């Protein structure tokens, strides 16, 4: 049975969970698109600024819904991760992997301009960064985000998701200072199963949320 009405409901619940434990110079970063909707609720609960960390799944050729890796970017810094278990089952040569990565990097940069405009990426050095997505399935995009963040020397990184696959959560736990997840069903099938409404988030919704958050500061 779905636990959350929609992403906004999940953001409120996740924000309530984090409100008593995350303090200091906090920055909330949402992973687009759907993670930004959840992150807006978290940022409101923490009284913290909201921004976006751009990530893109690298879909397996012929099975684009299956992540063979992911890329993330924060300003000029770009990180790439691979999903070894997927690549072991369906080998992709370096040229094929690079072609998908390059194509998705173009889309990532397009979204960066669409969401942030001419604003500079947020400073993360020495801050507590709360990295939010609407769910954790393979963990590839979150791992890429954590890798690109590591190069910016944050003080602490908390990964926060409403729902996650137990295996992916364990993998991410070794890369972040803390992982907060409200729901981790042993029979996890898909992130959308935790939501009654799980429609695709649009670029316009992401822009509006970031604009509203900037206005409130």
Protein backbone atom coordinates (compact mmCIF):
# COMPACT_ATOMS: atom_id res chain seq x y z
CA UNK A 1 0.00 0.00 0.00
CA UNK A 2 1.43 3.47 -0.89
CA UNK A 3 2.88 5.33 2.07
CA UNK A 4 2.89 8.86 0.59
CA UNK A 5 0.18 10.80 -1.21
CA UNK A 6 2.70 12.47 -3.52
CA UNK A 7 6.19 13.95 -3.48
CA UNK A 8 5.10 17.00 -1.52
CA UNK A 9 3.65 14.76 1.19
CA UNK A 10 6.90 12.78 1.24
CA UNK A 11 8.89 16.00 1.58
CA UNK A 12 6.89 17.07 4.60
CA UNK A 13 7.34 13.69 6.25
CA UNK A 14 11.06 13.59 5.52
CA UNK A 15 11.50 17.17 6.72
CA UNK A 16 9.76 16.36 10.00
CA UNK A 17 12.13 13.43 10.50
CA UNK A 18 15.22 15.56 9.88
CA UNK A 19 14.14 18.71 11.71
CA UNK A 20 15.39 17.63 15.13
CA UNK A 21 18.76 16.29 14.06
CA UNK A 22 20.17 18.47 11.25
CA UNK A 23 21.47 21.84 12.39
CA UNK A 24 24.08 24.44 11.61
CA UNK A 25 24.98 25.83 8.18
CA UNK A 26 22.69 23.56 6.17
CA UNK A 27 22.19 23.40 2.40
CA UNK A 28 19.50 21.19 0.87
CA UNK A 29 20.22 19.86 -2.62
CA UNK A 30 17.51 18.10 -4.61
CA UNK A 31 18.20 15.68 -7.44
CA UNK A 32 16.07 16.60 -10.44
CA UNK A 33 13.51 16.31 -11.32
CA UNK A 34 11.32 14.62 -8.70
CA UNK A 35 13.83 14.92 -5.89
CA UNK A 36 13.57 18.71 -5.99
CA UNK A 37 9.88 18.52 -5.05
CA UNK A 38 10.72 16.39 -2.01
CA UNK A 39 13.71 18.59 -1.19
CA UNK A 40 11.52 21.71 -1.11
CA UNK A 41 9.60 20.25 1.83
CA UNK A 42 12.82 19.30 3.58
CA UNK A 43 14.31 22.77 3.09
CA UNK A 44 11.14 24.39 4.47
CA UNK A 45 11.24 22.17 7.56
CA UNK A 46 14.91 22.92 8.20
CA UNK A 47 14.70 26.63 7.35
CA UNK A 48 17.57 26.02 4.92
CA UNK A 49 18.32 27.19 1.38
CA UNK A 50 17.30 24.92 -1.50
CA UNK A 51 19.28 24.30 -4.65
CA UNK A 52 19.77 21.55 -7.21
CA UNK A 53 22.56 19.10 -7.94
CA UNK A 54 22.33 17.94 -11.54
CA UNK A 55 22.40 14.19 -12.16
CA UNK A 56 21.57 11.96 -15.11
CA UNK A 57 21.12 8.22 -15.30
CA UNK A 58 23.14 6.45 -17.99
CA UNK A 59 20.66 4.03 -19.50
CA UNK A 60 21.82 0.72 -20.90
CA UNK A 61 21.65 0.74 -24.73
CA UNK A 62 18.48 -1.08 -25.71
CA UNK A 63 17.19 -0.91 -22.11
CA UNK A 64 17.37 2.81 -21.26
CA UNK A 65 15.31 2.38 -18.06
CA UNK A 66 18.15 0.23 -16.60
CA UNK A 67 20.99 2.32 -15.17
CA UNK A 68 24.46 1.16 -16.19
CA UNK A 69 25.81 4.24 -14.42
CA UNK A 70 25.20 7.92 -13.79
CA UNK A 71 26.80 11.33 -14.09
CA UNK A 72 26.58 14.34 -11.80
CA UNK A 73 27.77 17.92 -12.10
CA UNK A 74 28.22 20.83 -9.73
CA UNK A 75 29.61 23.78 -11.63
CA UNK A 76 32.66 22.63 -13.61
CA UNK A 77 33.08 19.44 -11.55
CA UNK A 78 31.69 16.28 -13.19
CA UNK A 79 31.62 12.75 -11.76
CA UNK A 80 30.79 9.47 -13.47
CA UNK A 81 29.94 6.17 -11.76
CA UNK A 82 29.24 2.72 -13.16
CA UNK A 83 26.77 0.08 -12.01
CA UNK A 84 29.03 -2.96 -12.13
CA UNK A 85 26.33 -5.59 -11.70
CA UNK A 86 24.44 -4.22 -14.72
CA UNK A 87 27.56 -3.98 -16.88
CA UNK A 88 28.60 -7.50 -15.89
CA UNK A 89 25.29 -8.91 -17.11
CA UNK A 90 25.13 -6.83 -20.29
CA UNK A 91 28.65 -5.74 -21.26
CA UNK A 92 28.98 -2.39 -23.02
CA UNK A 93 32.28 -1.41 -24.61
CA UNK A 94 34.01 1.84 -23.70
CA UNK A 95 32.87 3.58 -26.88
CA UNK A 96 29.24 2.67 -26.19
CA UNK A 97 29.46 3.82 -22.58
CA UNK A 98 31.15 7.08 -23.59
CA UNK A 99 28.51 7.79 -26.23
CA UNK A 100 25.70 7.51 -23.70
CA UNK A 101 27.63 9.57 -21.16
CA UNK A 102 28.35 12.37 -23.64
CA UNK A 103 24.71 12.50 -24.75
CA UNK A 104 23.45 12.69 -21.18
CA UNK A 105 26.03 15.32 -20.26
CA UNK A 106 24.57 17.58 -22.97
CA UNK A 107 21.10 17.13 -21.44
CA UNK A 108 22.48 17.72 -17.96
CA UNK A 109 24.02 21.03 -19.01
CA UNK A 110 20.77 22.04 -20.72
CA UNK A 111 18.88 21.44 -17.50
CA UNK A 112 21.48 23.31 -15.49
CA UNK A 113 20.81 26.44 -17.54
CA UNK A 114 17.04 25.84 -17.46
CA UNK A 115 16.95 25.48 -13.67
CA UNK A 116 19.64 27.83 -12.46
CA UNK A 117 19.92 30.38 -15.25
CA UNK A 118 22.98 32.55 -14.67
CA UNK A 119 23.14 31.85 -10.92
CA UNK A 120 26.38 30.30 -9.72
CA UNK A 121 26.29 26.82 -8.15
CA UNK A 122 25.98 26.89 -4.36
CA UNK A 123 29.07 26.79 -2.14
CA UNK A 124 29.22 23.54 -0.17
CA UNK A 125 32.65 23.68 1.51
CA UNK A 126 32.35 23.04 5.28
CA UNK A 127 28.53 23.04 5.14
CA UNK A 128 26.11 20.29 6.11
CA UNK A 129 24.62 19.14 2.81
CA UNK A 130 21.31 17.27 2.80
CA UNK A 131 21.09 15.42 -0.51
CA UNK A 132 17.48 14.56 -1.35
CA UNK A 133 15.84 12.36 -3.97
CA UNK A 134 12.31 10.99 -4.27
CA UNK A 135 13.62 7.45 -3.83
CA UNK A 136 16.63 5.18 -4.10
CA UNK A 137 16.44 2.23 -6.50
CA UNK A 138 19.90 1.33 -7.86
CA UNK A 139 21.61 4.23 -6.08
CA UNK A 140 23.60 5.17 -9.18
CA UNK A 141 22.57 8.82 -9.37
CA UNK A 142 23.07 9.35 -5.64
CA UNK A 143 26.52 7.75 -5.81
CA UNK A 144 27.46 10.11 -8.64
CA UNK A 145 26.16 13.07 -6.65
CA UNK A 146 28.16 12.02 -3.60
CA UNK A 147 31.30 11.69 -5.68
CA UNK A 148 31.02 15.17 -7.15
CA UNK A 149 30.23 16.59 -3.70
CA UNK A 150 33.28 14.95 -2.15
CA UNK A 151 35.54 17.09 -4.31
CA UNK A 152 33.93 20.25 -2.84
CA UNK A 153 34.84 19.30 0.76
CA UNK A 154 31.48 19.59 2.53
CA UNK A 155 31.52 19.39 6.32
CA UNK A 156 28.93 16.60 6.42
CA UNK A 157 26.65 14.91 3.90
CA UNK A 158 23.26 13.43 4.77
CA UNK A 159 21.41 11.43 2.10
CA UNK A 160 17.66 11.66 2.69
CA UNK A 161 15.00 9.74 0.76
CA UNK A 162 11.39 8.78 1.48
CA UNK A 163 11.85 5.21 0.15
CA UNK A 164 14.74 3.01 -0.88
CA UNK A 165 15.84 -0.47 -1.83
CA UNK A 166 17.66 -2.07 1.13
CA UNK A 167 20.68 -3.07 -0.98
CA UNK A 168 21.10 0.39 -2.49
CA UNK A 169 20.76 1.99 0.93
CA UNK A 170 23.55 -0.20 2.31
CA UNK A 171 25.79 0.75 -0.60
CA UNK A 172 25.17 4.48 -0.20
CA UNK A 173 25.62 4.27 3.58
CA UNK A 174 29.30 3.61 3.02
CA UNK A 175 29.69 6.83 1.06
CA UNK A 176 27.70 9.38 3.13
CA UNK A 177 27.98 10.50 6.74
CA UNK A 178 24.35 9.54 7.34
CA UNK A 179 21.48 8.03 5.37
CA UNK A 180 17.88 8.74 6.39
CA UNK A 181 15.13 6.69 4.74
CA UNK A 182 11.53 6.50 5.91
CA UNK A 183 10.59 3.29 4.12
CA UNK A 184 12.81 0.38 3.02
CA UNK A 185 10.54 -2.57 2.13
CA UNK A 186 12.32 -5.94 1.78
CA UNK A 187 10.17 -6.58 -1.29
CA UNK A 188 11.12 -3.25 -2.93
CA UNK A 189 10.13 -3.13 -6.60
CA UNK A 190 10.06 0.52 -7.66
CA UNK A 191 10.18 3.99 -6.12
CA UNK A 192 6.73 4.83 -7.49
CA UNK A 193 5.16 2.03 -5.46
CA UNK A 194 5.48 4.15 -2.32
CA UNK A 195 3.35 6.96 -3.79
CA UNK A 196 -0.34 7.22 -4.67
CA UNK A 197 0.48 9.91 -7.26
CA UNK A 198 3.85 9.75 -8.99
CA UNK A 199 3.49 11.84 -12.14
CA UNK A 200 6.59 13.07 -13.92
CA UNK A 201 7.92 16.39 -12.62
CA UNK A 202 8.43 19.07 -15.28
CA UNK A 203 11.28 21.52 -15.79
CA UNK A 204 8.82 24.31 -15.05
CA UNK A 205 7.94 22.86 -11.65
CA UNK A 206 11.63 22.61 -10.75
CA UNK A 207 12.28 26.22 -11.80
CA UNK A 208 9.28 27.47 -9.83
CA UNK A 209 10.34 25.64 -6.66
CA UNK A 210 13.90 26.99 -6.86
CA UNK A 211 12.65 30.51 -7.60
CA UNK A 212 10.22 30.41 -4.68
CA UNK A 213 12.91 29.12 -2.33
CA UNK A 214 15.32 31.90 -3.37
CA UNK A 215 12.60 34.50 -2.79
CA UNK A 216 11.93 33.26 0.73
CA UNK A 217 15.55 33.61 1.86
